[in-house]
């Protein structure tokens, strides 16, 4: 297969080479790229699959293609260490958190962290010191963690600072200032940049976290880059972090049978950014701006979040977030109408719709969405509503016991009416974005119980609750 990236991407080349060579395999995977002999549908799904072991490389990994590819990624992002994950940012987050310290030690982290971070706390036994994001009064959007929040908790001696940058809605903290403050106390900074893999390759976009001085960067290659589903990248510096420990944790939590396609796609995306990142990311920003302008002109107002809504450098200009409340429409209703026109969005709640734009999009794609979106908004338009902060961004947790103790505690179900004041045994989150409204060990308040019910009734998916109807809640048993 002809590929301009092939010569500079060892894993991508290995994947393509595998399917250019006739082999008789008596190894895993069991489909042997021949499942179509048994069923065409099954074959269409699995016959393009090959593993790392005995696929991209020899079973004994004698060719070292993974190590070569990861070395190229480390060099491009300016890191001492890089690993490719086929388990998404979820795996990378859990691997690095397991490497940070010992059970009972504390880490400072943003409350808007992804659920994978909270799961990692259960696995590691580390205790969270929650940092509350600053909410922008005009837009109702979390703007990130202010420096004063980190200063507030320094006396609790956190062993690390975990940030989520950018947020799901595209905003950023004062990252460089936070990093400098943490480093002044020898605290390493880990950034979950799942939604920021495109950062750092063009001046129209923010720098990536390592360029801003962070000690580790985790990003999802399958979100804003054209990578295979569940492909992710972990990058780290060795000044304040123990790279050997990270390697041990990574291998402990990763599959021993990594699929080749996600690995090859990470390598291919790295080569794509290295060769054309400046051009492609600039083009993406231009397309997003043109799309926003086209929709805004239909309503003679800006209906999107924009960089101008926030301090300089604190918003991802490639993020497309429609503020449905400004037009008096329900974001969920708009999502339903778009789906009737075969257009899917990343997320919708009552006041917000997120359209995920990536390097793979072209002007024709944006034109199609605008042509369908504008009439829907015009049809549903009503009286503007006041900005409301979504439940995921507004909860200040009340801790009843450690997250790990709650996870392993004896539990029972109680009705929603009787749940207020009890300690939750579940992590419950609107999804997307997967940001916890309540975590194990936290007290269920009236705001949480009523807010989750309201969100569910508005058509938002509520994930991970043991009772998805929310008629009852799983709580820890009282002593």
Protein backbone atom coordinates (compact mmCIF):
# COMPACT_ATOMS: atom_id res chain seq x y z
CA UNK A 1 0.00 0.00 0.00
CA UNK A 2 1.28 3.46 -0.90
CA UNK A 3 1.67 5.76 2.12
CA UNK A 4 3.71 8.94 2.33
CA UNK A 5 4.17 8.34 6.06
CA UNK A 6 5.45 4.81 5.72
CA UNK A 7 9.17 5.56 5.52
CA UNK A 8 9.10 7.60 8.73
CA UNK A 9 6.71 5.44 10.77
CA UNK A 10 8.17 2.00 11.69
CA UNK A 11 4.99 0.59 13.23
CA UNK A 12 2.80 1.79 10.39
CA UNK A 13 5.23 0.25 7.91
CA UNK A 14 5.27 -3.01 9.86
CA UNK A 15 1.45 -3.16 9.83
CA UNK A 16 1.24 -2.57 6.09
CA UNK A 17 4.11 -4.98 5.41
CA UNK A 18 2.37 -7.74 7.34
CA UNK A 19 -0.59 -7.70 4.96
CA UNK A 20 1.67 -7.53 1.90
CA UNK A 21 3.28 -10.87 2.77
CA UNK A 22 1.71 -14.33 2.49
CA UNK A 23 2.01 -16.26 5.77
CA UNK A 24 0.73 -19.51 7.21
CA UNK A 25 0.22 -18.69 10.86
CA UNK A 26 -0.11 -21.14 13.71
CA UNK A 27 -0.18 -18.43 16.36
CA UNK A 28 -2.77 -16.13 17.84
CA UNK A 29 -4.99 -14.36 16.95
CA UNK A 30 -7.41 -17.19 16.34
CA UNK A 31 -9.00 -15.57 13.31
CA UNK A 32 -5.63 -15.72 11.45
CA UNK A 33 -7.00 -13.02 9.10
CA UNK A 34 -9.17 -15.79 7.63
CA UNK A 35 -12.47 -15.43 9.49
CA UNK A 36 -14.19 -14.56 6.20
CA UNK A 37 -13.87 -18.28 5.40
CA UNK A 38 -16.41 -18.79 8.17
CA UNK A 39 -18.57 -15.71 7.79
CA UNK A 40 -18.20 -12.61 5.62
CA UNK A 41 -19.49 -10.27 8.32
CA UNK A 42 -17.12 -11.55 10.96
CA UNK A 43 -14.26 -11.46 8.49
CA UNK A 44 -15.01 -7.85 7.60
CA UNK A 45 -14.47 -6.99 11.25
CA UNK A 46 -11.37 -9.03 12.18
CA UNK A 47 -9.43 -9.92 9.05
CA UNK A 48 -7.56 -6.60 9.04
CA UNK A 49 -6.37 -7.23 12.61
CA UNK A 50 -2.87 -8.27 13.57
CA UNK A 51 -1.16 -8.12 16.98
CA UNK A 52 2.16 -6.59 17.97
CA UNK A 53 3.62 -10.01 18.81
CA UNK A 54 3.89 -12.11 15.68
CA UNK A 55 2.36 -9.31 13.63
CA UNK A 56 4.08 -5.95 13.70
CA UNK A 57 7.14 -7.64 15.16
CA UNK A 58 8.41 -11.16 15.74
CA UNK A 59 6.88 -12.97 18.72
CA UNK A 60 10.16 -12.37 20.59
CA UNK A 61 10.13 -8.67 19.56
CA UNK A 62 13.54 -9.07 17.93
CA UNK A 63 12.96 -6.19 15.50
CA UNK A 64 12.24 -3.58 18.17
CA UNK A 65 9.76 -1.62 16.05
CA UNK A 66 7.65 -0.53 19.01
CA UNK A 67 10.69 0.82 20.84
CA UNK A 68 11.79 2.70 17.71
CA UNK A 69 8.37 4.25 17.25
CA UNK A 70 8.06 5.27 20.89
CA UNK A 71 11.53 6.84 20.70
CA UNK A 72 10.41 8.95 17.75
CA UNK A 73 7.35 10.10 19.70
CA UNK A 74 9.46 11.04 22.72
CA UNK A 75 11.71 13.12 20.49
CA UNK A 76 8.83 14.92 18.76
CA UNK A 77 7.10 15.87 22.02
CA UNK A 78 10.38 16.61 23.81
CA UNK A 79 10.06 13.86 26.42
CA UNK A 80 12.48 11.48 28.09
CA UNK A 81 10.00 8.60 27.89
CA UNK A 82 7.07 7.56 25.70
CA UNK A 83 4.71 4.60 25.65
CA UNK A 84 1.90 3.72 23.25
CA UNK A 85 -1.28 2.38 24.82
CA UNK A 86 -4.08 0.38 23.25
CA UNK A 87 -6.21 1.00 26.35
CA UNK A 88 -6.86 4.68 25.82
CA UNK A 89 -6.05 7.54 28.15
CA UNK A 90 -7.86 5.49 30.79
CA UNK A 91 -4.96 3.03 30.89
CA UNK A 92 -2.30 5.73 30.67
CA UNK A 93 -3.88 7.70 33.53
CA UNK A 94 -4.05 4.62 35.71
CA UNK A 95 -0.49 3.58 34.92
CA UNK A 96 1.06 6.89 35.88
CA UNK A 97 -1.05 7.33 39.02
CA UNK A 98 0.00 3.87 40.22
CA UNK A 99 3.60 4.99 39.80
CA UNK A 100 3.32 8.17 41.88
CA UNK A 101 3.40 7.00 45.47
CA UNK A 102 2.20 4.72 48.24
CA UNK A 103 -1.32 4.09 49.57
CA UNK A 104 -2.42 6.87 51.89
CA UNK A 105 -0.33 9.57 50.25
CA UNK A 106 -2.18 12.51 48.72
CA UNK A 107 -2.35 14.02 45.27
CA UNK A 108 -3.94 17.32 44.30
CA UNK A 109 -6.25 17.08 41.32
CA UNK A 110 -8.98 18.91 39.51
CA UNK A 111 -12.51 17.83 40.34
CA UNK A 112 -13.31 17.73 36.62
CA UNK A 113 -10.92 14.81 36.14
CA UNK A 114 -12.11 11.89 34.03
CA UNK A 115 -13.53 8.84 35.81
CA UNK A 116 -10.39 6.87 34.90
CA UNK A 117 -8.44 9.06 37.32
CA UNK A 118 -10.87 8.28 40.12
CA UNK A 119 -10.65 4.56 39.31
CA UNK A 120 -6.87 4.88 39.54
CA UNK A 121 -7.23 6.27 43.05
CA UNK A 122 -9.07 3.09 44.05
CA UNK A 123 -6.33 0.95 42.52
CA UNK A 124 -3.46 2.92 44.02
CA UNK A 125 -4.85 3.83 47.43
CA UNK A 126 -3.77 7.44 46.92
CA UNK A 127 -6.06 10.07 48.45
CA UNK A 128 -7.40 13.00 46.43
CA UNK A 129 -7.15 16.62 47.46
CA UNK A 130 -9.86 18.12 45.27
CA UNK A 131 -9.22 21.39 43.47
CA UNK A 132 -12.33 23.33 42.46
CA UNK A 133 -12.35 24.99 39.03
CA UNK A 134 -13.18 28.63 38.61
CA UNK A 135 -16.52 29.10 36.82
CA UNK A 136 -16.85 31.86 34.23
CA UNK A 137 -19.96 33.87 35.16
CA UNK A 138 -20.78 34.84 31.57
CA UNK A 139 -20.66 31.38 29.99
CA UNK A 140 -21.15 29.09 32.98
CA UNK A 141 -18.08 27.13 31.86
CA UNK A 142 -15.24 25.96 34.13
CA UNK A 143 -12.16 28.01 33.26
CA UNK A 144 -9.68 25.73 34.99
CA UNK A 145 -7.90 25.64 38.31
CA UNK A 146 -6.78 29.02 39.70
CA UNK A 147 -3.35 29.18 41.30
CA UNK A 148 -4.91 30.10 44.64
CA UNK A 149 -6.55 26.65 44.71
CA UNK A 150 -3.17 24.94 44.54
CA UNK A 151 -1.76 27.34 47.14
CA UNK A 152 -4.68 26.47 49.42
CA UNK A 153 -3.67 22.80 49.62
CA UNK A 154 0.12 22.97 49.68
CA UNK A 155 0.17 22.51 53.45
CA UNK A 156 -1.40 19.06 52.91
CA UNK A 157 1.83 17.97 51.20
CA UNK A 158 0.52 16.56 47.91
CA UNK A 159 3.03 14.33 46.16
CA UNK A 160 1.76 15.32 42.70
CA UNK A 161 -0.56 17.69 40.88
CA UNK A 162 -2.94 16.24 38.28
CA UNK A 163 -4.59 18.62 35.82
CA UNK A 164 -7.08 18.05 33.00
CA UNK A 165 -6.03 20.40 30.19
CA UNK A 166 -7.88 21.26 28.06
CA UNK A 167 -11.23 20.65 29.71
CA UNK A 168 -13.94 18.82 27.84
CA UNK A 169 -15.33 22.20 26.76
CA UNK A 170 -11.95 23.49 25.59
CA UNK A 171 -10.90 25.78 28.43
CA UNK A 172 -7.49 25.76 30.09
CA UNK A 173 -6.09 26.68 33.47
CA UNK A 174 -3.14 29.03 33.89
CA UNK A 175 -1.04 25.96 33.22
CA UNK A 176 2.43 27.46 33.15
CA UNK A 177 1.86 29.35 36.41
CA UNK A 178 0.48 26.23 38.10
CA UNK A 179 3.47 24.21 36.93
CA UNK A 180 5.92 26.82 38.21
CA UNK A 181 4.18 26.94 41.59
CA UNK A 182 4.18 23.13 41.89
CA UNK A 183 7.81 22.84 40.83
CA UNK A 184 8.79 25.43 43.43
CA UNK A 185 7.71 22.79 45.96
CA UNK A 186 9.25 19.86 44.00
CA UNK A 187 5.76 18.61 43.09
CA UNK A 188 5.55 16.86 39.69
CA UNK A 189 2.72 17.91 37.37
CA UNK A 190 0.82 15.34 35.30
CA UNK A 191 -1.56 16.62 32.64
CA UNK A 192 -4.41 14.56 31.26
CA UNK A 193 -4.61 16.14 27.81
CA UNK A 194 -6.97 13.57 26.34
CA UNK A 195 -8.66 16.29 24.27
CA UNK A 196 -5.47 18.16 23.38
CA UNK A 197 -3.40 15.88 21.17
CA UNK A 198 -3.39 18.57 18.48
CA UNK A 199 -1.78 21.18 20.76
CA UNK A 200 1.74 22.45 20.26
CA UNK A 201 2.12 22.17 16.50
CA UNK A 202 0.92 25.62 15.41
CA UNK A 203 0.94 29.09 16.95
CA UNK A 204 -2.85 29.32 16.50
CA UNK A 205 -3.19 26.65 19.18
CA UNK A 206 -1.97 26.46 22.79
CA UNK A 207 1.33 24.76 23.52
CA UNK A 208 1.19 21.18 24.70
CA UNK A 209 1.80 20.48 28.38
CA UNK A 210 5.46 19.40 28.05
CA UNK A 211 6.26 22.63 26.22
CA UNK A 212 4.76 24.45 29.22
CA UNK A 213 7.00 22.51 31.61
CA UNK A 214 4.79 19.62 32.79
CA UNK A 215 6.40 16.38 33.91
CA UNK A 216 3.98 14.05 32.14
CA UNK A 217 1.44 14.31 29.35
CA UNK A 218 -1.28 11.80 28.57
CA UNK A 219 -3.35 12.18 25.44
CA UNK A 220 -5.87 10.24 23.39
CA UNK A 221 -4.72 9.75 19.83
CA UNK A 222 -8.23 8.67 18.82
CA UNK A 223 -9.98 11.90 19.87
CA UNK A 224 -8.64 14.94 18.04
CA UNK A 225 -6.14 13.00 15.92
CA UNK A 226 -7.03 10.37 13.27
CA UNK A 227 -5.96 7.43 15.44
CA UNK A 228 -7.56 4.05 16.03
CA UNK A 229 -10.13 3.79 18.83
CA UNK A 230 -8.58 3.41 22.30
CA UNK A 231 -5.13 4.51 21.10
CA UNK A 232 -3.29 6.78 23.52
CA UNK A 233 0.12 8.21 24.28
CA UNK A 234 1.95 8.60 27.59
CA UNK A 235 4.94 10.95 27.67
CA UNK A 236 7.08 11.78 30.69
CA UNK A 237 10.16 13.60 31.92
CA UNK A 238 12.47 12.00 34.45
CA UNK A 239 13.46 14.96 36.62
CA UNK A 240 10.67 14.62 39.22
CA UNK A 241 9.17 11.31 38.12
CA UNK A 242 10.58 7.80 38.43
CA UNK A 243 10.54 6.51 34.85
CA UNK A 244 11.35 2.93 35.88
CA UNK A 245 8.33 2.93 38.16
CA UNK A 246 6.14 4.31 35.38
CA UNK A 247 7.37 1.55 33.08
CA UNK A 248 6.52 -1.06 35.69
CA UNK A 249 3.05 0.40 36.24
CA UNK A 250 2.43 0.68 32.51
CA UNK A 251 3.23 -2.97 31.91
CA UNK A 252 1.27 -4.06 34.99
CA UNK A 253 -1.92 -2.44 33.73
CA UNK A 254 -1.60 -2.93 29.96
CA UNK A 255 -2.74 -5.92 27.96
CA UNK A 256 -0.11 -8.53 27.16
CA UNK A 257 -1.68 -8.93 23.70
CA UNK A 258 -1.73 -5.40 22.25
CA UNK A 259 -3.47 -5.05 18.91
CA UNK A 260 -1.34 -3.83 16.04
CA UNK A 261 -3.75 -1.38 14.43
CA UNK A 262 -3.97 1.05 17.37
CA UNK A 263 -0.18 0.98 17.78
CA UNK A 264 0.38 1.54 14.06
CA UNK A 265 -2.11 4.41 14.08
CA UNK A 266 -0.31 6.17 16.96
CA UNK A 267 2.92 5.93 15.01
CA UNK A 268 1.19 7.16 11.86
CA UNK A 269 -0.36 10.12 13.67
CA UNK A 270 3.02 11.03 15.13
CA UNK A 271 4.55 10.98 11.65
CA UNK A 272 1.62 13.01 10.31
CA UNK A 273 2.12 15.70 12.93
CA UNK A 274 5.87 15.68 12.43
CA UNK A 275 5.57 16.12 8.66
CA UNK A 276 2.41 18.22 8.32
CA UNK A 277 1.28 19.19 11.80
CA UNK A 278 1.71 22.93 11.33
CA UNK A 279 -0.34 22.97 8.12
CA UNK A 280 -3.05 20.57 9.26
CA UNK A 281 -3.72 22.14 12.64
CA UNK A 282 -3.80 25.64 11.16
CA UNK A 283 -6.28 24.46 8.55
CA UNK A 284 -8.45 22.92 11.27
CA UNK A 285 -8.67 26.21 13.15
CA UNK A 286 -9.52 28.06 9.94
CA UNK A 287 -12.31 25.60 9.11
CA UNK A 288 -13.75 25.84 12.62
CA UNK A 289 -13.74 29.64 12.48
CA UNK A 290 -15.45 29.64 9.08
CA UNK A 291 -18.12 27.23 10.34
CA UNK A 292 -18.81 29.33 13.42
CA UNK A 293 -19.04 32.49 11.31
CA UNK A 294 -21.53 30.87 8.94
CA UNK A 295 -23.84 29.77 11.76
CA UNK A 296 -23.45 33.03 13.69
CA UNK A 297 -24.48 35.10 10.66
CA UNK A 298 -27.83 33.30 10.56
CA UNK A 299 -28.60 34.60 14.05
CA UNK A 300 -26.71 37.92 14.08
CA UNK A 301 -24.96 36.87 17.28
CA UNK A 302 -22.27 34.50 18.42
CA UNK A 303 -23.85 31.24 19.56
CA UNK A 304 -20.56 29.43 20.24
CA UNK A 305 -17.87 29.52 22.88
CA UNK A 306 -14.93 31.48 21.48
CA UNK A 307 -11.38 32.28 22.48
CA UNK A 308 -12.50 35.88 23.01
CA UNK A 309 -14.75 34.71 25.88
CA UNK A 310 -11.70 33.80 27.95
CA UNK A 311 -8.27 35.21 28.83
CA UNK A 312 -5.67 34.90 26.08
CA UNK A 313 -4.48 31.34 25.55
CA UNK A 314 -7.13 29.81 27.80
CA UNK A 315 -9.36 28.23 25.13
CA UNK A 316 -8.86 25.70 22.34
CA UNK A 317 -9.83 27.54 19.12
CA UNK A 318 -10.49 24.18 17.41
CA UNK A 319 -13.29 23.40 19.90
CA UNK A 320 -16.87 23.77 18.67
CA UNK A 321 -19.28 24.30 21.56
CA UNK A 322 -22.76 25.62 20.74
CA UNK A 323 -24.48 27.51 23.57
CA UNK A 324 -28.01 26.26 23.03
CA UNK A 325 -29.43 28.39 25.84
CA UNK A 326 -28.68 31.59 23.90
CA UNK A 327 -31.27 30.51 21.34
CA UNK A 328 -33.69 29.13 23.90
CA UNK A 329 -33.39 25.60 22.52
CA UNK A 330 -32.67 22.30 24.21
CA UNK A 331 -29.32 20.89 23.18
CA UNK A 332 -30.78 17.39 23.46
CA UNK A 333 -33.67 18.31 21.13
CA UNK A 334 -31.22 19.71 18.60
CA UNK A 335 -29.12 16.53 18.87
CA UNK A 336 -32.23 14.43 18.18
CA UNK A 337 -33.07 16.47 15.10
CA UNK A 338 -29.52 16.24 13.80
CA UNK A 339 -29.54 12.47 14.24
CA UNK A 340 -32.63 12.32 12.00
CA UNK A 341 -30.37 13.90 9.37
CA UNK A 342 -27.58 11.36 10.04
CA UNK A 343 -25.40 13.89 11.84
CA UNK A 344 -23.98 12.87 15.19
CA UNK A 345 -22.54 15.20 17.79
CA UNK A 346 -20.05 14.43 20.54
CA UNK A 347 -22.22 15.60 23.43
CA UNK A 348 -25.48 17.40 24.12
CA UNK A 349 -27.18 18.51 27.30
CA UNK A 350 -29.84 21.11 27.97
CA UNK A 351 -27.61 24.13 27.33
CA UNK A 352 -24.64 22.82 25.35
CA UNK A 353 -23.80 20.90 22.18
CA UNK A 354 -20.23 19.79 21.44
CA UNK A 355 -19.25 19.13 17.82
CA UNK A 356 -15.88 17.38 17.65
CA UNK A 357 -13.79 18.77 14.80
CA UNK A 358 -10.57 16.98 13.85
CA UNK A 359 -7.80 16.93 11.26
CA UNK A 360 -9.89 14.54 9.17
CA UNK A 361 -12.67 17.08 8.54
CA UNK A 362 -12.96 19.09 5.33
CA UNK A 363 -14.91 22.22 4.42
CA UNK A 364 -17.61 20.05 2.82
CA UNK A 365 -18.24 18.34 6.15
CA UNK A 366 -18.70 21.64 7.96
CA UNK A 367 -20.93 22.95 5.15
CA UNK A 368 -23.18 19.91 5.48
CA UNK A 369 -23.52 20.36 9.23
CA UNK A 370 -24.24 24.10 8.88
CA UNK A 371 -26.86 23.44 6.19
CA UNK A 372 -28.71 21.05 8.50
CA UNK A 373 -28.04 22.82 11.81
CA UNK A 374 -29.21 26.33 10.94
CA UNK A 375 -32.78 25.36 9.93
CA UNK A 376 -33.13 23.17 13.03
CA UNK A 377 -32.05 26.02 15.29
CA UNK A 378 -34.39 28.43 13.49
CA UNK A 379 -37.31 26.02 13.88
CA UNK A 380 -36.70 25.34 17.58
CA UNK A 381 -35.59 28.85 18.55
CA UNK A 382 -37.36 30.35 21.56
CA UNK A 383 -36.72 32.84 24.36
CA UNK A 384 -33.06 32.84 25.47
CA UNK A 385 -32.34 31.22 28.82
CA UNK A 386 -29.93 32.36 31.48
CA UNK A 387 -26.61 30.51 31.48
CA UNK A 388 -26.59 27.53 33.82
CA UNK A 389 -23.49 25.69 34.95
CA UNK A 390 -23.80 21.98 34.19
CA UNK A 391 -23.94 19.61 37.14
CA UNK A 392 -20.58 18.04 36.25
CA UNK A 393 -18.81 21.37 36.66
CA UNK A 394 -20.59 22.75 39.72
CA UNK A 395 -20.37 20.04 42.39
CA UNK A 396 -18.09 20.64 45.38
CA UNK A 397 -17.69 17.14 46.86
CA UNK A 398 -18.35 16.32 50.49
CA UNK A 399 -16.16 13.37 51.47
CA UNK A 400 -17.60 10.79 53.86
CA UNK A 401 -14.83 8.18 53.61
CA UNK A 402 -11.90 7.36 51.39
CA UNK A 403 -12.70 6.44 47.82
CA UNK A 404 -10.92 3.09 48.23
CA UNK A 405 -12.71 2.20 51.48
CA UNK A 406 -16.06 2.99 49.88
CA UNK A 407 -15.23 0.87 46.85
CA UNK A 408 -14.65 -2.22 49.04
CA UNK A 409 -17.33 -1.47 51.64
CA UNK A 410 -20.47 -3.52 52.20
CA UNK A 411 -23.30 -1.80 50.36
CA UNK A 412 -27.05 -1.63 50.08
CA UNK A 413 -29.64 0.03 47.89
CA UNK A 414 -31.86 2.82 49.17
CA UNK A 415 -34.54 4.82 47.39
CA UNK A 416 -33.60 8.14 45.86
CA UNK A 417 -35.68 9.88 48.53
CA UNK A 418 -33.67 8.18 51.28
CA UNK A 419 -30.28 8.54 49.58
CA UNK A 420 -29.62 12.13 50.61
CA UNK A 421 -27.02 12.18 53.35
CA UNK A 422 -25.77 8.66 52.63
CA UNK A 423 -22.30 7.81 51.33
CA UNK A 424 -22.27 6.75 47.69
CA UNK A 425 -20.69 3.43 46.71
CA UNK A 426 -20.91 4.31 43.01
CA UNK A 427 -19.21 6.74 40.70
CA UNK A 428 -22.01 8.42 38.76
CA UNK A 429 -21.42 10.73 35.83
CA UNK A 430 -23.25 12.23 32.87
CA UNK A 431 -21.58 10.71 29.80
CA UNK A 432 -20.05 12.25 27.91
CA UNK A 433 -17.92 13.81 29.34
CA UNK A 434 -17.57 11.19 32.09
CA UNK A 435 -16.82 13.71 34.84
CA UNK A 436 -18.07 12.42 38.18
CA UNK A 437 -20.96 14.16 39.88
CA UNK A 438 -20.42 11.84 42.83
CA UNK A 439 -17.62 9.38 43.54
CA UNK A 440 -17.39 6.45 45.95
CA UNK A 441 -17.00 7.74 49.47
CA UNK A 442 -18.77 11.03 48.82
CA UNK A 443 -22.01 12.14 50.42
CA UNK A 444 -25.11 12.19 48.23
CA UNK A 445 -26.61 15.65 48.64
CA UNK A 446 -29.99 16.94 47.53
CA UNK A 447 -28.20 18.92 44.79
CA UNK A 448 -26.67 15.72 43.44
CA UNK A 449 -29.77 13.51 43.61
CA UNK A 450 -32.11 16.16 42.21
CA UNK A 451 -29.58 17.32 39.62
CA UNK A 452 -28.97 13.81 38.28
CA UNK A 453 -32.71 13.22 38.01
CA UNK A 454 -33.17 16.49 36.14
CA UNK A 455 -30.33 15.70 33.74
CA UNK A 456 -31.68 12.22 33.05
CA UNK A 457 -35.19 13.55 32.43
CA UNK A 458 -33.72 16.06 29.98
CA UNK A 459 -32.32 13.19 27.91
CA UNK A 460 -28.72 13.15 29.17
CA UNK A 461 -27.16 9.72 29.56
CA UNK A 462 -26.25 9.03 33.20
CA UNK A 463 -23.50 6.42 33.35
CA UNK A 464 -22.09 3.93 35.86
CA UNK A 465 -24.96 4.05 38.40
CA UNK A 466 -25.83 0.56 39.67
CA UNK A 467 -29.48 1.48 39.13
CA UNK A 468 -29.55 3.33 35.81
CA UNK A 469 -33.13 4.48 36.47
CA UNK A 470 -31.86 6.48 39.48
CA UNK A 471 -34.88 5.33 41.45
CA UNK A 472 -32.42 3.90 43.94
CA UNK A 473 -28.79 4.45 44.87
CA UNK A 474 -26.10 2.02 46.01
CA UNK A 475 -24.66 3.33 49.27
CA UNK A 476 -22.27 2.08 51.92
CA UNK A 477 -23.93 0.29 54.82
CA UNK A 478 -24.18 2.25 58.02
CA UNK A 479 -22.22 0.86 60.95
